[in-house]
PDB file of N, CA and C in Angstrom:
ATOM      1  N   UNK A   1      39.306  46.713  34.488  1.00  0.00           N
ATOM      2  CA  UNK A   1      39.796  45.987  35.660  1.00  0.00           C
ATOM      3  C   UNK A   1      40.996  46.766  36.190  1.00  0.00           C
ATOM      4  N   UNK A   2      41.027  47.102  37.467  1.00  0.00           N
ATOM      5  CA  UNK A   2      42.166  47.753  38.072  1.00  0.00           C
ATOM      6  C   UNK A   2      43.021  46.790  38.850  1.00  0.00           C
ATOM      7  N   UNK A   3      44.289  46.816  38.755  1.00  0.00           N
ATOM      8  CA  UNK A   3      45.172  45.966  39.509  1.00  0.00           C
ATOM      9  C   UNK A   3      46.283  46.852  40.113  1.00  0.00           C
ATOM     10  N   UNK A   4      46.726  46.478  41.307  1.00  0.00           N
ATOM     11  CA  UNK A   4      47.805  47.141  41.984  1.00  0.00           C
ATOM     12  C   UNK A   4      48.887  46.092  42.230  1.00  0.00           C
ATOM     13  N   UNK A   5      49.997  46.329  41.606  1.00  0.00           N
ATOM     14  CA  UNK A   5      51.048  45.272  41.666  1.00  0.00           C
ATOM     15  C   UNK A   5      52.117  45.600  42.722  1.00  0.00           C
ATOM     16  N   UNK A   6      52.514  44.598  43.438  1.00  0.00           N
ATOM     17  CA  UNK A   6      53.635  44.769  44.410  1.00  0.00           C
ATOM     18  C   UNK A   6      54.478  43.513  44.440  1.00  0.00           C
ATOM     19  N   UNK A   7      54.377  42.678  43.448  1.00  0.00           N
ATOM     20  CA  UNK A   7      55.098  41.409  43.487  1.00  0.00           C
ATOM     21  C   UNK A   7      54.274  40.343  42.886  1.00  0.00           C
ATOM     22  N   UNK A   8      54.298  39.223  43.537  1.00  0.00           N
ATOM     23  CA  UNK A   8      53.521  38.096  43.018  1.00  0.00           C
ATOM     24  C   UNK A   8      52.014  38.316  43.265  1.00  0.00           C
ATOM     25  N   UNK A   9      51.667  38.747  44.443  1.00  0.00           N
ATOM     26  CA  UNK A   9      50.243  38.921  44.780  1.00  0.00           C
ATOM     27  C   UNK A   9      49.817  40.363  44.482  1.00  0.00           C
ATOM     28  N   UNK A  10      48.607  40.505  43.929  1.00  0.00           N
ATOM     29  CA  UNK A  10      48.143  41.843  43.578  1.00  0.00           C
ATOM     30  C   UNK A  10      46.684  42.033  44.098  1.00  0.00           C
ATOM     31  N   UNK A  11      46.326  43.256  44.155  1.00  0.00           N
ATOM     32  CA  UNK A  11      44.934  43.654  44.442  1.00  0.00           C
ATOM     33  C   UNK A  11      44.162  43.871  43.160  1.00  0.00           C
ATOM     34  N   UNK A  12      43.012  43.254  43.073  1.00  0.00           N
ATOM     35  CA  UNK A  12      42.252  43.367  41.843  1.00  0.00           C
ATOM     36  C   UNK A  12      40.787  43.762  42.192  1.00  0.00           C
ATOM     37  N   UNK A  13      40.229  44.610  41.447  1.00  0.00           N
ATOM     38  CA  UNK A  13      38.788  44.985  41.654  1.00  0.00           C
ATOM     39  C   UNK A  13      38.036  44.376  40.497  1.00  0.00           C
ATOM     40  N   UNK A  14      36.868  43.858  40.807  1.00  0.00           N
ATOM     41  CA  UNK A  14      35.946  43.221  39.818  1.00  0.00           C
ATOM     42  C   UNK A  14      34.613  43.715  39.983  1.00  0.00           C
ATOM     43  N   UNK A  15      33.783  43.389  38.989  1.00  0.00           N
ATOM     44  CA  UNK A  15      32.378  43.736  38.935  1.00  0.00           C
ATOM     45  C   UNK A  15      32.140  45.249  39.197  1.00  0.00           C
ATOM     46  N   UNK A  16      32.576  46.010  38.218  1.00  0.00           N
ATOM     47  CA  UNK A  16      32.401  47.501  38.292  1.00  0.00           C
ATOM     48  C   UNK A  16      33.138  48.033  39.505  1.00  0.00           C
ATOM     49  N   UNK A  17      34.216  47.412  39.889  1.00  0.00           N
ATOM     50  CA  UNK A  17      35.061  47.830  40.992  1.00  0.00           C
ATOM     51  C   UNK A  17      34.431  47.853  42.297  1.00  0.00           C
ATOM     52  N   UNK A  18      33.472  46.888  42.512  1.00  0.00           N
ATOM     53  CA  UNK A  18      32.776  46.818  43.769  1.00  0.00           C
ATOM     54  C   UNK A  18      33.220  45.573  44.580  1.00  0.00           C
ATOM     55  N   UNK A  19      33.922  44.645  43.963  1.00  0.00           N
ATOM     56  CA  UNK A  19      34.409  43.506  44.690  1.00  0.00           C
ATOM     57  C   UNK A  19      35.984  43.529  44.694  1.00  0.00           C
ATOM     58  N   UNK A  20      36.530  43.318  45.814  1.00  0.00           N
ATOM     59  CA  UNK A  20      37.990  43.464  45.928  1.00  0.00           C
ATOM     60  C   UNK A  20      38.593  42.085  46.302  1.00  0.00           C
ATOM     61  N   UNK A  21      39.572  41.759  45.506  1.00  0.00           N
ATOM     62  CA  UNK A  21      40.244  40.413  45.669  1.00  0.00           C
ATOM     63  C   UNK A  21      41.765  40.652  45.719  1.00  0.00           C
ATOM     64  N   UNK A  22      42.405  39.715  46.388  1.00  0.00           N
ATOM     65  CA  UNK A  22      43.838  39.557  46.316  1.00  0.00           C
ATOM     66  C   UNK A  22      44.129  38.296  45.540  1.00  0.00           C
ATOM     67  N   UNK A  23      44.974  38.430  44.498  1.00  0.00           N
ATOM     68  CA  UNK A  23      45.219  37.302  43.633  1.00  0.00           C
ATOM     69  C   UNK A  23      46.628  37.111  43.251  1.00  0.00           C
ATOM     70  N   UNK A  24      46.988  35.908  42.922  1.00  0.00           N
ATOM     71  CA  UNK A  24      48.378  35.661  42.348  1.00  0.00           C
ATOM     72  C   UNK A  24      48.269  35.390  40.893  1.00  0.00           C
ATOM     73  N   UNK A  25      47.073  35.513  40.309  1.00  0.00           N
ATOM     74  CA  UNK A  25      46.773  35.356  38.870  1.00  0.00           C
ATOM     75  C   UNK A  25      47.134  34.045  38.281  1.00  0.00           C
ATOM     76  N   UNK A  26      47.403  33.003  39.164  1.00  0.00           N
ATOM     77  CA  UNK A  26      47.714  31.718  38.667  1.00  0.00           C
ATOM     78  C   UNK A  26      46.825  30.681  39.294  1.00  0.00           C
ATOM     79  N   UNK A  27      46.830  30.606  40.620  1.00  0.00           N
ATOM     80  CA  UNK A  27      46.091  29.514  41.249  1.00  0.00           C
ATOM     81  C   UNK A  27      45.138  29.983  42.304  1.00  0.00           C
ATOM     82  N   UNK A  28      45.306  31.162  42.840  1.00  0.00           N
ATOM     83  CA  UNK A  28      44.456  31.573  44.011  1.00  0.00           C
ATOM     84  C   UNK A  28      43.898  32.978  43.783  1.00  0.00           C
ATOM     85  N   UNK A  29      42.625  33.073  44.211  1.00  0.00           N
ATOM     86  CA  UNK A  29      41.964  34.401  44.325  1.00  0.00           C
ATOM     87  C   UNK A  29      41.288  34.469  45.736  1.00  0.00           C
ATOM     88  N   UNK A  30      41.545  35.458  46.487  1.00  0.00           N
ATOM     89  CA  UNK A  30      40.997  35.620  47.818  1.00  0.00           C
ATOM     90  C   UNK A  30      40.055  36.786  47.777  1.00  0.00           C
ATOM     91  N   UNK A  31      38.783  36.528  48.060  1.00  0.00           N
ATOM     92  CA  UNK A  31      37.785  37.633  48.148  1.00  0.00           C
ATOM     93  C   UNK A  31      37.956  38.375  49.465  1.00  0.00           C
ATOM     94  N   UNK A  32      38.202  39.651  49.390  1.00  0.00           N
ATOM     95  CA  UNK A  32      38.385  40.449  50.603  1.00  0.00           C
ATOM     96  C   UNK A  32      37.143  41.136  51.045  1.00  0.00           C
ATOM     97  N   UNK A  33      36.443  41.829  50.200  1.00  0.00           N
ATOM     98  CA  UNK A  33      35.189  42.506  50.574  1.00  0.00           C
ATOM     99  C   UNK A  33      34.591  43.241  49.424  1.00  0.00           C
ATOM    100  N   UNK A  34      33.535  43.927  49.745  1.00  0.00           N
ATOM    101  CA  UNK A  34      32.807  44.676  48.764  1.00  0.00           C
ATOM    102  C   UNK A  34      32.964  46.190  49.067  1.00  0.00           C
ATOM    103  N   UNK A  35      32.740  46.947  47.987  1.00  0.00           N
ATOM    104  CA  UNK A  35      32.931  48.415  48.130  1.00  0.00           C
ATOM    105  C   UNK A  35      31.714  49.146  47.603  1.00  0.00           C
ATOM    106  N   UNK A  36      30.552  48.758  48.036  1.00  0.00           N
ATOM    107  CA  UNK A  36      29.320  49.373  47.620  1.00  0.00           C
ATOM    108  C   UNK A  36      29.158  50.766  48.164  1.00  0.00           C
ATOM    109  N   UNK A  37      29.704  51.043  49.330  1.00  0.00           N
ATOM    110  CA  UNK A  37      29.744  52.420  49.846  1.00  0.00           C
ATOM    111  C   UNK A  37      31.176  52.734  50.236  1.00  0.00           C
ATOM    112  N   UNK A  38      31.503  53.964  50.418  1.00  0.00           N
ATOM    113  CA  UNK A  38      32.876  54.470  50.679  1.00  0.00           C
ATOM    114  C   UNK A  38      33.561  53.876  51.876  1.00  0.00           C
ATOM    115  N   UNK A  39      32.750  53.603  52.942  1.00  0.00           N
ATOM    116  CA  UNK A  39      33.231  53.054  54.192  1.00  0.00           C
ATOM    117  C   UNK A  39      33.701  51.626  53.974  1.00  0.00           C
ATOM    118  N   UNK A  40      32.826  50.817  53.304  1.00  0.00           N
ATOM    119  CA  UNK A  40      33.198  49.417  52.964  1.00  0.00           C
ATOM    120  C   UNK A  40      34.414  49.360  52.114  1.00  0.00           C
ATOM    121  N   UNK A  41      34.420  50.228  51.066  1.00  0.00           N
ATOM    122  CA  UNK A  41      35.541  50.274  50.115  1.00  0.00           C
ATOM    123  C   UNK A  41      36.864  50.585  50.798  1.00  0.00           C
ATOM    124  N   UNK A  42      36.889  51.624  51.627  1.00  0.00           N
ATOM    125  CA  UNK A  42      38.133  51.937  52.314  1.00  0.00           C
ATOM    126  C   UNK A  42      38.609  50.795  53.207  1.00  0.00           C
ATOM    127  N   UNK A  43      37.706  50.179  53.939  1.00  0.00           N
ATOM    128  CA  UNK A  43      38.044  49.098  54.882  1.00  0.00           C
ATOM    129  C   UNK A  43      38.589  47.886  54.077  1.00  0.00           C
ATOM    130  N   UNK A  44      37.901  47.521  53.029  1.00  0.00           N
ATOM    131  CA  UNK A  44      38.303  46.404  52.185  1.00  0.00           C
ATOM    132  C   UNK A  44      39.682  46.627  51.530  1.00  0.00           C
ATOM    133  N   UNK A  45      39.939  47.894  51.101  1.00  0.00           N
ATOM    134  CA  UNK A  45      41.167  48.147  50.453  1.00  0.00           C
ATOM    135  C   UNK A  45      42.371  48.131  51.474  1.00  0.00           C
ATOM    136  N   UNK A  46      42.109  48.640  52.664  1.00  0.00           N
ATOM    137  CA  UNK A  46      43.159  48.601  53.730  1.00  0.00           C
ATOM    138  C   UNK A  46      43.486  47.080  54.075  1.00  0.00           C
ATOM    139  N   UNK A  47      42.428  46.294  54.186  1.00  0.00           N
ATOM    140  CA  UNK A  47      42.630  44.930  54.480  1.00  0.00           C
ATOM    141  C   UNK A  47      43.380  44.201  53.377  1.00  0.00           C
ATOM    142  N   UNK A  48      42.964  44.527  52.113  1.00  0.00           N
ATOM    143  CA  UNK A  48      43.623  43.896  50.944  1.00  0.00           C
ATOM    144  C   UNK A  48      45.112  44.273  50.915  1.00  0.00           C
ATOM    145  N   UNK A  49      45.422  45.491  51.191  1.00  0.00           N
ATOM    146  CA  UNK A  49      46.816  45.928  51.213  1.00  0.00           C
ATOM    147  C   UNK A  49      47.663  45.122  52.214  1.00  0.00           C
ATOM    148  N   UNK A  50      47.143  44.948  53.448  1.00  0.00           N
ATOM    149  CA  UNK A  50      47.793  44.225  54.503  1.00  0.00           C
ATOM    150  C   UNK A  50      47.994  42.728  54.069  1.00  0.00           C
ATOM    151  N   UNK A  51      46.948  42.149  53.560  1.00  0.00           N
ATOM    152  CA  UNK A  51      47.030  40.754  53.074  1.00  0.00           C
ATOM    153  C   UNK A  51      48.011  40.592  51.937  1.00  0.00           C
ATOM    154  N   UNK A  52      47.970  41.460  50.982  1.00  0.00           N
ATOM    155  CA  UNK A  52      48.835  41.416  49.852  1.00  0.00           C
ATOM    156  C   UNK A  52      50.288  41.523  50.237  1.00  0.00           C
ATOM    157  N   UNK A  53      50.582  42.465  51.084  1.00  0.00           N
ATOM    158  CA  UNK A  53      51.943  42.684  51.567  1.00  0.00           C
ATOM    159  C   UNK A  53      52.423  41.483  52.393  1.00  0.00           C
ATOM    160  N   UNK A  54      51.574  40.930  53.208  1.00  0.00           N
ATOM    161  CA  UNK A  54      51.993  39.726  54.015  1.00  0.00           C
ATOM    162  C   UNK A  54      52.262  38.535  53.095  1.00  0.00           C
ATOM    163  N   UNK A  55      51.400  38.312  52.117  1.00  0.00           N
ATOM    164  CA  UNK A  55      51.606  37.195  51.190  1.00  0.00           C
ATOM    165  C   UNK A  55      52.904  37.372  50.319  1.00  0.00           C
ATOM    166  N   UNK A  56      53.138  38.632  49.901  1.00  0.00           N
ATOM    167  CA  UNK A  56      54.369  38.859  49.114  1.00  0.00           C
ATOM    168  C   UNK A  56      55.596  38.687  49.954  1.00  0.00           C
ATOM    169  N   UNK A  57      55.565  39.148  51.243  1.00  0.00           N
ATOM    170  CA  UNK A  57      56.680  38.916  52.132  1.00  0.00           C
ATOM    171  C   UNK A  57      56.895  37.440  52.396  1.00  0.00           C
ATOM    172  N   UNK A  58      55.860  36.683  52.567  1.00  0.00           N
ATOM    173  CA  UNK A  58      55.975  35.238  52.747  1.00  0.00           C
ATOM    174  C   UNK A  58      56.545  34.544  51.530  1.00  0.00           C
ATOM    175  N   UNK A  59      56.083  34.954  50.337  1.00  0.00           N
ATOM    176  CA  UNK A  59      56.637  34.342  49.072  1.00  0.00           C
ATOM    177  C   UNK A  59      58.042  34.644  48.895  1.00  0.00           C
ATOM    178  N   UNK A  60      58.550  35.784  49.218  1.00  0.00           N
ATOM    179  CA  UNK A  60      59.992  36.141  49.037  1.00  0.00           C
ATOM    180  C   UNK A  60      60.866  35.388  50.029  1.00  0.00           C
ATOM    181  N   UNK A  61      60.275  35.122  51.203  1.00  0.00           N
ATOM    182  CA  UNK A  61      61.062  34.310  52.198  1.00  0.00           C
ATOM    183  C   UNK A  61      61.149  32.836  51.741  1.00  0.00           C
ATOM    184  N   UNK A  62      60.132  32.351  51.017  1.00  0.00           N
ATOM    185  CA  UNK A  62      60.166  30.976  50.519  1.00  0.00           C
ATOM    186  C   UNK A  62      61.130  30.756  49.391  1.00  0.00           C
ATOM    187  N   UNK A  63      61.416  31.799  48.604  1.00  0.00           N
ATOM    188  CA  UNK A  63      62.328  31.655  47.429  1.00  0.00           C
ATOM    189  C   UNK A  63      63.754  31.501  47.943  1.00  0.00           C
ATOM    190  N   UNK A  64      64.543  30.546  47.333  1.00  0.00           N
ATOM    191  CA  UNK A  64      65.922  30.483  47.722  1.00  0.00           C
ATOM    192  C   UNK A  64      66.715  31.688  47.296  1.00  0.00           C
ATOM    193  N   UNK A  65      67.641  32.110  48.090  1.00  0.00           N
ATOM    194  CA  UNK A  65      68.467  33.217  47.783  1.00  0.00           C
ATOM    195  C   UNK A  65      69.653  32.771  46.884  1.00  0.00           C
ATOM    196  N   UNK A  66      69.890  33.573  45.838  1.00  0.00           N
ATOM    197  CA  UNK A  66      70.983  33.248  44.991  1.00  0.00           C
ATOM    198  C   UNK A  66      72.291  33.697  45.577  1.00  0.00           C
ATOM    199  N   UNK A  67      73.300  32.864  45.449  1.00  0.00           N
ATOM    200  CA  UNK A  67      74.658  33.210  45.999  1.00  0.00           C
ATOM    201  C   UNK A  67      75.374  33.959  44.849  1.00  0.00           C
ATOM    202  N   UNK A  68      75.832  35.150  45.210  1.00  0.00           N
ATOM    203  CA  UNK A  68      76.555  35.949  44.201  1.00  0.00           C
ATOM    204  C   UNK A  68      78.002  36.132  44.564  1.00  0.00           C
TER     205      UNK A  68
END
């Protein structure tokens, strides 16, 4: 299983790396697409990267900032 980590949300490939998900590994898995051919794979990975980045940005904004 391949994962790409950038924070809370990660990209994960399943089923012989043909199904692409974005997951927080706790409560949510979002199916992005399939990669049975190279065109589908590239499109699904690009979409997964955008979604993963957006979710991580949203999560960091929700966390309270520590006063130092």
